[in-house]
Amino acid sequence: MTIMSAKGFRPKKALLKRIKITGNGKMFRRQTRMNHFNAKDTGEGTRRKRKESLITKADEKAVKQLLP
């Protein structure tokens, strides 16, 4: 699903702010469930959430269509 306007393709700039693309092309995203209700998490769970998550191959195809 690509978005086309009269001037052509318009990439989703908001998506670029939320992901990080490595030199090899891997895509990382921020871990979910980090905003609130974190006091009940164990220390291990909190530390696990600090790391970025790799975007799966299935989702990577959809993400690439929204980027320039």
Protein backbone atom coordinates (compact mmCIF):
# COMPACT_ATOMS: atom_id res chain seq x y z
CA MET A 1 0.00 0.00 0.00
CA THR A 2 1.80 3.11 -1.20
CA ILE A 3 0.34 6.56 -0.84
CA MET A 4 0.30 8.58 -4.02
CA SER A 5 -0.57 12.23 -4.38
CA ALA A 6 -0.71 14.49 -7.40
CA LYS A 7 3.03 15.13 -6.94
CA GLY A 8 3.95 11.46 -6.47
CA PHE A 9 4.91 9.21 -3.58
CA ARG A 10 4.66 10.68 -0.06
CA PRO A 11 6.70 8.70 2.50
CA LYS A 12 5.49 8.35 6.07
CA LYS A 13 7.85 10.65 8.00
CA ALA A 14 6.36 9.62 11.36
CA LEU A 15 7.51 6.06 10.73
CA LEU A 16 11.10 7.18 10.14
CA LYS A 17 11.13 8.73 13.63
CA ARG A 18 10.03 5.45 15.22
CA ILE A 19 12.43 2.97 13.62
CA LYS A 20 16.18 2.67 13.25
CA ILE A 21 17.71 1.10 10.14
CA THR A 22 21.19 -0.41 10.44
CA GLY A 23 23.83 -0.45 7.73
CA ASN A 24 22.88 -4.02 6.84
CA GLY A 25 19.22 -3.06 6.43
CA LYS A 26 17.87 -4.51 9.67
CA MET A 27 15.05 -2.52 11.24
CA PHE A 28 14.67 -1.95 14.96
CA ARG A 29 11.74 -0.50 16.88
CA ARG A 30 11.10 0.64 20.43
CA GLN A 31 9.82 -1.96 22.88
CA THR A 32 6.08 -1.81 23.64
CA ARG A 33 4.40 -1.47 27.08
CA MET A 34 6.89 1.02 28.45
CA ASN A 35 4.77 4.09 29.21
CA HIS A 36 3.02 3.33 32.49
CA PHE A 37 2.10 0.49 34.87
CA ASN A 38 5.75 -0.53 34.94
CA ALA A 39 6.10 -0.67 38.73
CA LYS A 40 4.66 -4.18 38.77
CA ASP A 41 7.28 -5.44 36.32
CA THR A 42 10.20 -7.39 37.67
CA GLY A 43 13.66 -5.89 37.38
CA GLU A 44 14.44 -8.38 34.67
CA GLY A 45 11.36 -7.33 32.70
CA THR A 46 12.24 -3.65 33.00
CA ARG A 47 15.77 -4.26 31.76
CA ARG A 48 14.47 -6.36 28.89
CA LYS A 49 12.24 -3.49 27.75
CA ARG A 50 15.20 -1.13 27.44
CA LYS A 51 16.49 -2.98 24.40
CA GLU A 52 15.13 -2.30 20.95
CA SER A 53 13.21 -5.04 19.16
CA LEU A 54 13.95 -6.32 15.70
CA ILE A 55 11.12 -5.85 13.21
CA THR A 56 10.10 -9.24 11.82
CA LYS A 57 10.62 -10.13 8.17
CA ALA A 58 6.85 -10.28 7.67
CA ASP A 59 6.40 -6.70 8.91
CA GLU A 60 9.55 -5.46 7.20
CA LYS A 61 7.93 -5.71 3.77
CA ALA A 62 5.00 -3.51 4.84
CA VAL A 63 7.32 -0.98 6.47
CA LYS A 64 9.52 -0.68 3.38
CA GLN A 65 6.51 0.28 1.26
CA LEU A 66 5.85 3.28 3.50
CA LEU A 67 9.44 4.56 3.40
CA PRO A 68 11.21 6.44 0.59
